[in-house]
PDB file of N, CA and C in Angstrom:
ATOM      1  N   UNK A   1      97.210 100.576  98.264  1.00  0.00           N
ATOM      2  CA  UNK A   1      96.297 101.435  97.537  1.00  0.00           C
ATOM      3  C   UNK A   1      95.180 100.585  96.944  1.00  0.00           C
ATOM      4  N   UNK A   2      94.009 101.121  96.980  1.00  0.00           N
ATOM      5  CA  UNK A   2      92.846 100.412  96.454  1.00  0.00           C
ATOM      6  C   UNK A   2      92.646 100.623  94.960  1.00  0.00           C
ATOM      7  N   UNK A   3      93.101 101.774  94.446  1.00  0.00           N
ATOM      8  CA  UNK A   3      92.864 102.096  93.041  1.00  0.00           C
ATOM      9  C   UNK A   3      94.139 102.165  92.230  1.00  0.00           C
ATOM     10  N   UNK A   4      93.986 102.363  90.944  1.00  0.00           N
ATOM     11  CA  UNK A   4      95.118 102.498  90.035  1.00  0.00           C
ATOM     12  C   UNK A   4      95.781 103.859  90.207  1.00  0.00           C
ATOM     13  N   UNK A   5      97.067 103.901  89.875  1.00  0.00           N
ATOM     14  CA  UNK A   5      97.827 105.148  89.885  1.00  0.00           C
ATOM     15  C   UNK A   5      98.151 105.525  88.446  1.00  0.00           C
ATOM     16  N   UNK A   6      98.014 106.805  88.119  1.00  0.00           N
ATOM     17  CA  UNK A   6      98.226 107.255  86.742  1.00  0.00           C
ATOM     18  C   UNK A   6      99.278 108.360  86.674  1.00  0.00           C
ATOM     19  N   UNK A   7     100.008 108.384  85.553  1.00  0.00           N
ATOM     20  CA  UNK A   7     100.982 109.438  85.251  1.00  0.00           C
ATOM     21  C   UNK A   7     102.025 109.618  86.346  1.00  0.00           C
ATOM     22  N   UNK A   8     102.592 108.511  86.794  1.00  0.00           N
ATOM     23  CA  UNK A   8     103.609 108.565  87.846  1.00  0.00           C
ATOM     24  C   UNK A   8     104.992 108.869  87.302  1.00  0.00           C
ATOM     25  N   UNK A   9     105.820 109.377  88.206  1.00  0.00           N
ATOM     26  CA  UNK A   9     107.227 109.600  87.846  1.00  0.00           C
ATOM     27  C   UNK A   9     108.072 109.481  89.099  1.00  0.00           C
ATOM     28  N   UNK A  10     109.304 109.008  88.904  1.00  0.00           N
ATOM     29  CA  UNK A  10     110.299 108.965  89.955  1.00  0.00           C
ATOM     30  C   UNK A  10     111.335 110.044  89.679  1.00  0.00           C
ATOM     31  N   UNK A  11     111.788 110.692  90.725  1.00  0.00           N
ATOM     32  CA  UNK A  11     112.901 111.637  90.630  1.00  0.00           C
ATOM     33  C   UNK A  11     113.972 111.121  91.581  1.00  0.00           C
ATOM     34  N   UNK A  12     115.170 110.863  91.042  1.00  0.00           N
ATOM     35  CA  UNK A  12     116.271 110.282  91.805  1.00  0.00           C
ATOM     36  C   UNK A  12     117.430 111.263  91.797  1.00  0.00           C
ATOM     37  N   UNK A  13     118.071 111.433  92.971  1.00  0.00           N
ATOM     38  CA  UNK A  13     119.237 112.312  93.056  1.00  0.00           C
ATOM     39  C   UNK A  13     120.036 111.967  94.303  1.00  0.00           C
ATOM     40  N   UNK A  14     121.261 112.454  94.345  1.00  0.00           N
ATOM     41  CA  UNK A  14     122.099 112.252  95.521  1.00  0.00           C
ATOM     42  C   UNK A  14     123.336 113.119  95.440  1.00  0.00           C
ATOM     43  N   UNK A  15     123.577 113.907  96.473  1.00  0.00           N
ATOM     44  CA  UNK A  15     124.759 114.785  96.505  1.00  0.00           C
ATOM     45  C   UNK A  15     126.028 113.940  96.405  1.00  0.00           C
ATOM     46  N   UNK A  16     126.864 114.273  95.442  1.00  0.00           N
ATOM     47  CA  UNK A  16     128.096 113.536  95.212  1.00  0.00           C
ATOM     48  C   UNK A  16     127.897 112.225  94.480  1.00  0.00           C
ATOM     49  N   UNK A  17     126.640 111.898  94.167  1.00  0.00           N
ATOM     50  CA  UNK A  17     126.340 110.660  93.448  1.00  0.00           C
ATOM     51  C   UNK A  17     125.867 110.932  92.034  1.00  0.00           C
ATOM     52  N   UNK A  18     124.779 111.688  91.911  1.00  0.00           N
ATOM     53  CA  UNK A  18     124.197 111.951  90.601  1.00  0.00           C
ATOM     54  C   UNK A  18     123.349 113.214  90.651  1.00  0.00           C
ATOM     55  N   UNK A  19     123.288 113.906  89.542  1.00  0.00           N
ATOM     56  CA  UNK A  19     122.358 115.018  89.423  1.00  0.00           C
ATOM     57  C   UNK A  19     120.942 114.450  89.358  1.00  0.00           C
ATOM     58  N   UNK A  20     119.965 115.310  89.478  1.00  0.00           N
ATOM     59  CA  UNK A  20     118.566 114.885  89.433  1.00  0.00           C
ATOM     60  C   UNK A  20     118.251 114.206  88.105  1.00  0.00           C
ATOM     61  N   UNK A  21     117.628 113.037  88.194  1.00  0.00           N
ATOM     62  CA  UNK A  21     117.181 112.290  87.019  1.00  0.00           C
ATOM     63  C   UNK A  21     115.700 111.969  87.200  1.00  0.00           C
ATOM     64  N   UNK A  22     114.915 112.144  86.147  1.00  0.00           N
ATOM     65  CA  UNK A  22     113.484 111.868  86.201  1.00  0.00           C
ATOM     66  C   UNK A  22     113.160 110.681  85.307  1.00  0.00           C
ATOM     67  N   UNK A  23     112.340 109.762  85.838  1.00  0.00           N
ATOM     68  CA  UNK A  23     111.959 108.552  85.119  1.00  0.00           C
ATOM     69  C   UNK A  23     110.434 108.418  85.120  1.00  0.00           C
ATOM     70  N   UNK A  24     109.806 108.440  83.956  1.00  0.00           N
ATOM     71  CA  UNK A  24     108.353 108.238  83.914  1.00  0.00           C
ATOM     72  C   UNK A  24     108.021 106.773  84.189  1.00  0.00           C
ATOM     73  N   UNK A  25     106.856 106.535  84.763  1.00  0.00           N
ATOM     74  CA  UNK A  25     106.359 105.180  85.044  1.00  0.00           C
ATOM     75  C   UNK A  25     105.460 104.734  83.906  1.00  0.00           C
ATOM     76  N   UNK A  26     105.059 103.447  83.943  1.00  0.00           N
ATOM     77  CA  UNK A  26     104.050 103.013  82.984  1.00  0.00           C
ATOM     78  C   UNK A  26     102.816 103.909  83.105  1.00  0.00           C
ATOM     79  N   UNK A  27     102.026 103.966  82.087  1.00  0.00           N
ATOM     80  CA  UNK A  27     100.845 104.833  82.064  1.00  0.00           C
ATOM     81  C   UNK A  27      99.956 104.574  83.283  1.00  0.00           C
ATOM     82  N   UNK A  28      99.805 103.305  83.678  1.00  0.00           N
ATOM     83  CA  UNK A  28      98.967 102.963  84.827  1.00  0.00           C
ATOM     84  C   UNK A  28      99.691 101.945  85.702  1.00  0.00           C
ATOM     85  N   UNK A  29      99.617 102.131  87.017  1.00  0.00           N
ATOM     86  CA  UNK A  29     100.136 101.154  87.969  1.00  0.00           C
ATOM     87  C   UNK A  29      98.935 100.593  88.719  1.00  0.00           C
ATOM     88  N   UNK A  30      98.736  99.291  88.599  1.00  0.00           N
ATOM     89  CA  UNK A  30      97.593  98.630  89.229  1.00  0.00           C
ATOM     90  C   UNK A  30      97.894  98.321  90.697  1.00  0.00           C
ATOM     91  N   UNK A  31      96.863  98.146  91.526  1.00  0.00           N
ATOM     92  CA  UNK A  31      97.089  97.763  92.922  1.00  0.00           C
ATOM     93  C   UNK A  31      97.920  96.487  93.004  1.00  0.00           C
ATOM     94  N   UNK A  32      98.946  96.498  93.833  1.00  0.00           N
ATOM     95  CA  UNK A  32      99.807  95.335  93.998  1.00  0.00           C
ATOM     96  C   UNK A  32     100.905  95.205  92.955  1.00  0.00           C
ATOM     97  N   UNK A  33     100.863  96.026  91.917  1.00  0.00           N
ATOM     98  CA  UNK A  33     101.885  95.958  90.870  1.00  0.00           C
ATOM     99  C   UNK A  33     103.186  96.552  91.393  1.00  0.00           C
ATOM    100  N   UNK A  34     104.281  95.935  91.025  1.00  0.00           N
ATOM    101  CA  UNK A  34     105.604  96.412  91.407  1.00  0.00           C
ATOM    102  C   UNK A  34     106.232  97.136  90.228  1.00  0.00           C
ATOM    103  N   UNK A  35     106.853  98.275  90.507  1.00  0.00           N
ATOM    104  CA  UNK A  35     107.562  99.023  89.472  1.00  0.00           C
ATOM    105  C   UNK A  35     109.024  99.115  89.900  1.00  0.00           C
ATOM    106  N   UNK A  36     109.912  98.710  89.013  1.00  0.00           N
ATOM    107  CA  UNK A  36     111.352  98.774  89.289  1.00  0.00           C
ATOM    108  C   UNK A  36     112.019  99.635  88.227  1.00  0.00           C
ATOM    109  N   UNK A  37     113.108 100.275  88.627  1.00  0.00           N
ATOM    110  CA  UNK A  37     113.901 100.982  87.633  1.00  0.00           C
ATOM    111  C   UNK A  37     115.362 100.862  87.978  1.00  0.00           C
ATOM    112  N   UNK A  38     116.171 100.904  86.949  1.00  0.00           N
ATOM    113  CA  UNK A  38     117.619 100.829  87.109  1.00  0.00           C
ATOM    114  C   UNK A  38     118.166 102.230  86.855  1.00  0.00           C
ATOM    115  N   UNK A  39     118.965 102.700  87.789  1.00  0.00           N
ATOM    116  CA  UNK A  39     119.555 104.030  87.689  1.00  0.00           C
ATOM    117  C   UNK A  39     121.062 103.867  87.572  1.00  0.00           C
ATOM    118  N   UNK A  40     121.627 104.308  86.471  1.00  0.00           N
ATOM    119  CA  UNK A  40     123.068 104.245  86.266  1.00  0.00           C
ATOM    120  C   UNK A  40     123.679 105.603  86.562  1.00  0.00           C
ATOM    121  N   UNK A  41     124.761 105.588  87.333  1.00  0.00           N
ATOM    122  CA  UNK A  41     125.470 106.827  87.623  1.00  0.00           C
ATOM    123  C   UNK A  41     126.890 106.499  88.059  1.00  0.00           C
ATOM    124  N   UNK A  42     127.771 107.484  87.969  1.00  0.00           N
ATOM    125  CA  UNK A  42     129.142 107.366  88.440  1.00  0.00           C
ATOM    126  C   UNK A  42     129.323 108.368  89.569  1.00  0.00           C
ATOM    127  N   UNK A  43     129.520 107.882  90.800  1.00  0.00           N
ATOM    128  CA  UNK A  43     129.677 108.798  91.933  1.00  0.00           C
ATOM    129  C   UNK A  43     130.852 109.745  91.722  1.00  0.00           C
ATOM    130  N   UNK A  44     130.677 110.969  92.164  1.00  0.00           N
ATOM    131  CA  UNK A  44     131.723 111.986  92.037  1.00  0.00           C
ATOM    132  C   UNK A  44     132.524 112.156  93.328  1.00  0.00           C
ATOM    133  N   UNK A  45     131.980 111.670  94.450  1.00  0.00           N
ATOM    134  CA  UNK A  45     132.649 111.805  95.742  1.00  0.00           C
ATOM    135  C   UNK A  45     132.578 110.481  96.484  1.00  0.00           C
ATOM    136  N   UNK A  46     133.603 110.225  97.296  1.00  0.00           N
ATOM    137  CA  UNK A  46     133.614 109.011  98.105  1.00  0.00           C
ATOM    138  C   UNK A  46     133.065 109.320  99.495  1.00  0.00           C
ATOM    139  N   UNK A  47     132.891 108.264 100.284  1.00  0.00           N
ATOM    140  CA  UNK A  47     132.384 108.406 101.643  1.00  0.00           C
ATOM    141  C   UNK A  47     130.906 108.056 101.735  1.00  0.00           C
ATOM    142  N   UNK A  48     130.311 108.358 102.880  1.00  0.00           N
ATOM    143  CA  UNK A  48     128.906 108.073 103.107  1.00  0.00           C
ATOM    144  C   UNK A  48     128.048 109.009 102.263  1.00  0.00           C
ATOM    145  N   UNK A  49     127.146 108.457 101.481  1.00  0.00           N
ATOM    146  CA  UNK A  49     126.280 109.219 100.585  1.00  0.00           C
ATOM    147  C   UNK A  49     124.851 108.728 100.732  1.00  0.00           C
ATOM    148  N   UNK A  50     123.902 109.559 100.325  1.00  0.00           N
ATOM    149  CA  UNK A  50     122.481 109.206 100.383  1.00  0.00           C
ATOM    150  C   UNK A  50     121.857 109.412  99.007  1.00  0.00           C
ATOM    151  N   UNK A  51     121.281 108.339  98.472  1.00  0.00           N
ATOM    152  CA  UNK A  51     120.540 108.398  97.219  1.00  0.00           C
ATOM    153  C   UNK A  51     119.065 108.516  97.583  1.00  0.00           C
ATOM    154  N   UNK A  52     118.395 109.539  97.082  1.00  0.00           N
ATOM    155  CA  UNK A  52     116.981 109.742  97.400  1.00  0.00           C
ATOM    156  C   UNK A  52     116.123 109.531  96.156  1.00  0.00           C
ATOM    157  N   UNK A  53     114.924 109.032  96.394  1.00  0.00           N
ATOM    158  CA  UNK A  53     113.949 108.838  95.323  1.00  0.00           C
ATOM    159  C   UNK A  53     112.616 109.410  95.782  1.00  0.00           C
ATOM    160  N   UNK A  54     111.975 110.158  94.897  1.00  0.00           N
ATOM    161  CA  UNK A  54     110.659 110.732  95.161  1.00  0.00           C
ATOM    162  C   UNK A  54     109.709 110.173  94.114  1.00  0.00           C
ATOM    163  N   UNK A  55     108.496 109.846  94.519  1.00  0.00           N
ATOM    164  CA  UNK A  55     107.480 109.368  93.587  1.00  0.00           C
ATOM    165  C   UNK A  55     106.277 110.287  93.680  1.00  0.00           C
ATOM    166  N   UNK A  56     105.775 110.688  92.533  1.00  0.00           N
ATOM    167  CA  UNK A  56     104.559 111.494  92.436  1.00  0.00           C
ATOM    168  C   UNK A  56     103.690 110.923  91.325  1.00  0.00           C
ATOM    169  N   UNK A  57     102.375 111.005  91.519  1.00  0.00           N
ATOM    170  CA  UNK A  57     101.414 110.690  90.469  1.00  0.00           C
ATOM    171  C   UNK A  57     100.156 111.499  90.748  1.00  0.00           C
ATOM    172  N   UNK A  58      99.150 111.360  89.903  1.00  0.00           N
ATOM    173  CA  UNK A  58      97.914 112.131  90.084  1.00  0.00           C
ATOM    174  C   UNK A  58      97.233 111.831  91.414  1.00  0.00           C
ATOM    175  N   UNK A  59      97.298 110.575  91.863  1.00  0.00           N
ATOM    176  CA  UNK A  59      96.545 110.151  93.044  1.00  0.00           C
ATOM    177  C   UNK A  59      97.357 110.175  94.342  1.00  0.00           C
ATOM    178  N   UNK A  60      98.677 110.310  94.235  1.00  0.00           N
ATOM    179  CA  UNK A  60      99.553 110.185  95.399  1.00  0.00           C
ATOM    180  C   UNK A  60     100.717 111.147  95.216  1.00  0.00           C
ATOM    181  N   UNK A  61     100.988 111.975  96.201  1.00  0.00           N
ATOM    182  CA  UNK A  61     102.025 112.998  96.052  1.00  0.00           C
ATOM    183  C   UNK A  61     103.143 112.815  97.065  1.00  0.00           C
ATOM    184  N   UNK A  62     104.371 113.093  96.613  1.00  0.00           N
ATOM    185  CA  UNK A  62     105.534 113.265  97.485  1.00  0.00           C
ATOM    186  C   UNK A  62     105.842 112.055  98.364  1.00  0.00           C
ATOM    187  N   UNK A  63     105.903 110.875  97.759  1.00  0.00           N
ATOM    188  CA  UNK A  63     106.335 109.676  98.473  1.00  0.00           C
ATOM    189  C   UNK A  63     107.857 109.633  98.361  1.00  0.00           C
ATOM    190  N   UNK A  64     108.537 109.525  99.498  1.00  0.00           N
ATOM    191  CA  UNK A  64     109.995 109.615  99.501  1.00  0.00           C
ATOM    192  C   UNK A  64     110.624 108.346 100.050  1.00  0.00           C
ATOM    193  N   UNK A  65     111.782 108.028  99.513  1.00  0.00           N
ATOM    194  CA  UNK A  65     112.582 106.917 100.014  1.00  0.00           C
ATOM    195  C   UNK A  65     114.048 107.262  99.844  1.00  0.00           C
ATOM    196  N   UNK A  66     114.912 106.537 100.556  1.00  0.00           N
ATOM    197  CA  UNK A  66     116.338 106.812 100.428  1.00  0.00           C
ATOM    198  C   UNK A  66     117.143 105.555 100.679  1.00  0.00           C
ATOM    199  N   UNK A  67     118.388 105.591 100.233  1.00  0.00           N
ATOM    200  CA  UNK A  67     119.335 104.506 100.450  1.00  0.00           C
ATOM    201  C   UNK A  67     120.657 105.126 100.857  1.00  0.00           C
ATOM    202  N   UNK A  68     121.139 104.787 102.055  1.00  0.00           N
ATOM    203  CA  UNK A  68     122.472 105.214 102.466  1.00  0.00           C
ATOM    204  C   UNK A  68     123.475 104.230 101.881  1.00  0.00           C
ATOM    205  N   UNK A  69     124.580 104.747 101.373  1.00  0.00           N
ATOM    206  CA  UNK A  69     125.620 103.886 100.816  1.00  0.00           C
ATOM    207  C   UNK A  69     126.985 104.481 101.100  1.00  0.00           C
ATOM    208  N   UNK A  70     127.973 103.613 101.119  1.00  0.00           N
ATOM    209  CA  UNK A  70     129.342 104.069 101.303  1.00  0.00           C
ATOM    210  C   UNK A  70     130.065 103.879  99.977  1.00  0.00           C
ATOM    211  N   UNK A  71     130.608 104.953  99.441  1.00  0.00           N
ATOM    212  CA  UNK A  71     131.320 104.927  98.165  1.00  0.00           C
ATOM    213  C   UNK A  71     132.819 104.901  98.451  1.00  0.00           C
ATOM    214  N   UNK A  72     133.495 103.857  97.957  1.00  0.00           N
ATOM    215  CA  UNK A  72     134.939 103.753  98.127  1.00  0.00           C
ATOM    216  C   UNK A  72     135.662 104.518  97.034  1.00  0.00           C
ATOM    217  N   UNK A  73     136.784 105.088  97.385  1.00  0.00           N
ATOM    218  CA  UNK A  73     137.630 105.771  96.416  1.00  0.00           C
ATOM    219  C   UNK A  73     138.253 104.712  95.518  1.00  0.00           C
ATOM    220  N   UNK A  74     138.135 104.885  94.207  1.00  0.00           N
ATOM    221  CA  UNK A  74     138.660 103.926  93.249  1.00  0.00           C
ATOM    222  C   UNK A  74     140.137 104.183  93.007  1.00  0.00           C
ATOM    223  N   UNK A  75     140.955 103.148  93.142  1.00  0.00           N
ATOM    224  CA  UNK A  75     142.390 103.284  92.885  1.00  0.00           C
ATOM    225  C   UNK A  75     142.642 103.170  91.398  1.00  0.00           C
ATOM    226  N   UNK A  76     143.511 104.014  90.892  1.00  0.00           N
ATOM    227  CA  UNK A  76     143.827 103.969  89.453  1.00  0.00           C
ATOM    228  C   UNK A  76     145.207 103.439  89.219  1.00  0.00           C
TER     229      UNK A  76
END
């Protein structure tokens, strides 16, 4: 991107992983700037799961990403 991004937010969710969570970004994201966030959750189901993240801001809409993961059943 050539210009700054303003009023961004991430929406993270995953069936059997976590309900929808929304995370606001810094007020402005400059070109080349990296934004990281830590998402804490306790999976509710084991097996192959997909965590999805959506990014929206005033200048850029509906950017999507995902992570496939395998959740092991925890022995008690």
